Amino acid sequence: MQQGLAEAALTLRGISAFEITNWTADVENNQVVRYKVTMHVAFKVEHHTTTP
């Protein structure tokens, strides 16, 4: 989760929350080797207006 949030923060500003909508794991030799999550990230949209 932290890695996904860090990746999102590279291009998004103002992240305020996230929701995990799916969580899975890869297993090899009866050991969890990788987790995968699907997350929705909430962030503030900044509107920029131009003055003519």
N, C-alpha and C. Protein backbone atom coordinates (compact mmCIF):
# COMPACT_ATOMS: atom_id res chain seq x y z
N MET A 1 0.82 -1.18 0.00
CA MET A 1 0.00 0.00 0.00
C MET A 1 0.86 1.25 0.00
N GLN A 2 1.89 1.25 0.83
CA GLN A 2 2.76 2.43 0.91
C GLN A 2 3.44 2.69 -0.42
N GLN A 3 3.85 1.65 -1.11
CA GLN A 3 4.51 1.82 -2.41
C GLN A 3 3.54 2.41 -3.43
N GLY A 4 2.29 1.94 -3.43
CA GLY A 4 1.29 2.49 -4.34
C GLY A 4 0.98 3.94 -4.05
N LEU A 5 0.91 4.27 -2.77
CA LEU A 5 0.65 5.65 -2.39
C LEU A 5 1.83 6.55 -2.79
N ALA A 6 3.04 6.06 -2.60
CA ALA A 6 4.22 6.83 -2.99
C ALA A 6 4.25 7.04 -4.50
N GLU A 7 3.86 6.03 -5.26
CA GLU A 7 3.83 6.15 -6.72
C GLU A 7 2.79 7.18 -7.16
N ALA A 8 1.61 7.15 -6.54
CA ALA A 8 0.56 8.12 -6.86
C ALA A 8 1.02 9.53 -6.53
N ALA A 9 1.76 9.68 -5.45
CA ALA A 9 2.21 11.01 -5.01
C ALA A 9 3.22 11.63 -5.97
N LEU A 10 3.79 10.85 -6.87
CA LEU A 10 4.71 11.41 -7.86
C LEU A 10 4.00 12.33 -8.84
N THR A 11 2.71 12.08 -9.09
CA THR A 11 1.98 12.88 -10.07
C THR A 11 0.73 13.55 -9.51
N LEU A 12 0.36 13.25 -8.29
CA LEU A 12 -0.82 13.86 -7.68
C LEU A 12 -0.42 14.68 -6.47
N ARG A 13 -1.09 15.82 -6.29
CA ARG A 13 -0.87 16.63 -5.09
C ARG A 13 -2.13 16.60 -4.25
N GLY A 14 -1.99 16.82 -2.98
CA GLY A 14 -3.14 16.93 -2.10
C GLY A 14 -3.85 15.62 -1.83
N ILE A 15 -3.14 14.51 -1.82
CA ILE A 15 -3.77 13.22 -1.51
C ILE A 15 -4.28 13.27 -0.08
N SER A 16 -5.55 12.92 0.11
CA SER A 16 -6.15 13.01 1.44
C SER A 16 -6.59 11.66 1.99
N ALA A 17 -6.77 10.66 1.14
CA ALA A 17 -7.25 9.37 1.62
C ALA A 17 -7.09 8.33 0.53
N PHE A 18 -7.22 7.07 0.90
CA PHE A 18 -7.29 6.00 -0.09
C PHE A 18 -8.16 4.88 0.45
N GLU A 19 -8.69 4.10 -0.47
CA GLU A 19 -9.54 2.96 -0.12
C GLU A 19 -9.02 1.74 -0.86
N ILE A 20 -8.80 0.66 -0.15
CA ILE A 20 -8.40 -0.60 -0.76
C ILE A 20 -9.67 -1.30 -1.22
N THR A 21 -9.77 -1.56 -2.52
CA THR A 21 -10.97 -2.20 -3.04
C THR A 21 -10.75 -3.68 -3.35
N ASN A 22 -9.49 -4.08 -3.42
CA ASN A 22 -9.18 -5.49 -3.67
C ASN A 22 -7.77 -5.76 -3.16
N TRP A 23 -7.58 -6.95 -2.60
CA TRP A 23 -6.28 -7.31 -2.05
C TRP A 23 -6.03 -8.77 -2.40
N THR A 24 -4.92 -9.04 -3.08
CA THR A 24 -4.56 -10.41 -3.43
C THR A 24 -3.08 -10.62 -3.13
N ALA A 25 -2.66 -11.87 -3.19
CA ALA A 25 -1.26 -12.19 -2.96
C ALA A 25 -0.83 -13.30 -3.90
N ASP A 26 0.43 -13.26 -4.32
CA ASP A 26 1.02 -14.34 -5.10
C ASP A 26 1.75 -15.27 -4.14
N VAL A 27 1.60 -16.56 -4.38
CA VAL A 27 2.21 -17.56 -3.52
C VAL A 27 3.12 -18.45 -4.35
N GLU A 28 4.32 -18.66 -3.86
CA GLU A 28 5.27 -19.59 -4.48
C GLU A 28 5.86 -20.46 -3.37
N ASN A 29 5.86 -21.76 -3.60
CA ASN A 29 6.40 -22.70 -2.61
C ASN A 29 5.78 -22.50 -1.23
N ASN A 30 4.45 -22.30 -1.24
CA ASN A 30 3.68 -22.12 0.00
C ASN A 30 4.06 -20.88 0.80
N GLN A 31 4.66 -19.89 0.15
CA GLN A 31 5.04 -18.64 0.80
C GLN A 31 4.49 -17.46 0.01
N VAL A 32 3.98 -16.47 0.72
CA VAL A 32 3.55 -15.24 0.05
C VAL A 32 4.79 -14.51 -0.43
N VAL A 33 4.84 -14.24 -1.72
CA VAL A 33 6.00 -13.56 -2.30
C VAL A 33 5.68 -12.14 -2.76
N ARG A 34 4.40 -11.83 -2.88
CA ARG A 34 4.02 -10.52 -3.40
C ARG A 34 2.57 -10.25 -3.05
N TYR A 35 2.30 -9.05 -2.58
CA TYR A 35 0.93 -8.59 -2.37
C TYR A 35 0.57 -7.64 -3.50
N LYS A 36 -0.70 -7.66 -3.88
CA LYS A 36 -1.20 -6.72 -4.89
C LYS A 36 -2.49 -6.11 -4.36
N VAL A 37 -2.61 -4.81 -4.47
CA VAL A 37 -3.83 -4.14 -4.04
C VAL A 37 -4.36 -3.27 -5.17
N THR A 38 -5.67 -3.12 -5.19
CA THR A 38 -6.32 -2.13 -6.04
C THR A 38 -6.81 -1.05 -5.09
N MET A 39 -6.41 0.18 -5.34
CA MET A 39 -6.80 1.25 -4.43
C MET A 39 -7.37 2.44 -5.19
N HIS A 40 -8.33 3.08 -4.56
CA HIS A 40 -8.86 4.34 -5.05
C HIS A 40 -8.21 5.43 -4.20
N VAL A 41 -7.68 6.44 -4.86
CA VAL A 41 -6.98 7.51 -4.17
C VAL A 41 -7.80 8.79 -4.26
N ALA A 42 -8.01 9.44 -3.12
CA ALA A 42 -8.75 10.71 -3.08
C ALA A 42 -7.75 11.86 -3.03
N PHE A 43 -8.01 12.88 -3.84
CA PHE A 43 -7.13 14.05 -3.85
C PHE A 43 -7.94 15.26 -4.25
N LYS A 44 -7.45 16.43 -3.87
CA LYS A 44 -8.11 17.68 -4.17
C LYS A 44 -7.76 18.11 -5.59
N VAL A 45 -8.77 18.48 -6.35
CA VAL A 45 -8.56 19.02 -7.70
C VAL A 45 -8.41 20.53 -7.58
N GLU A 46 -7.32 21.04 -8.10
CA GLU A 46 -7.07 22.48 -8.06
C GLU A 46 -7.48 23.10 -9.38
N HIS A 47 -8.35 24.08 -9.30
CA HIS A 47 -8.80 24.79 -10.50
C HIS A 47 -7.97 26.06 -10.66
N HIS A 48 -7.41 26.24 -11.82
CA HIS A 48 -6.63 27.43 -12.11
C HIS A 48 -7.41 28.26 -13.13
N THR A 49 -7.64 29.50 -12.79
CA THR A 49 -8.35 30.39 -13.72
C THR A 49 -7.35 31.40 -14.28
N THR A 50 -7.59 31.76 -15.50
CA THR A 50 -6.75 32.78 -16.13
C THR A 50 -7.56 34.04 -16.30
N THR A 51 -6.93 35.15 -16.09
CA THR A 51 -7.59 36.44 -16.25
C THR A 51 -7.20 37.01 -17.61
N PRO A 52 -8.22 37.36 -18.42
CA PRO A 52 -7.91 37.89 -19.76
C PRO A 52 -7.22 39.23 -19.72
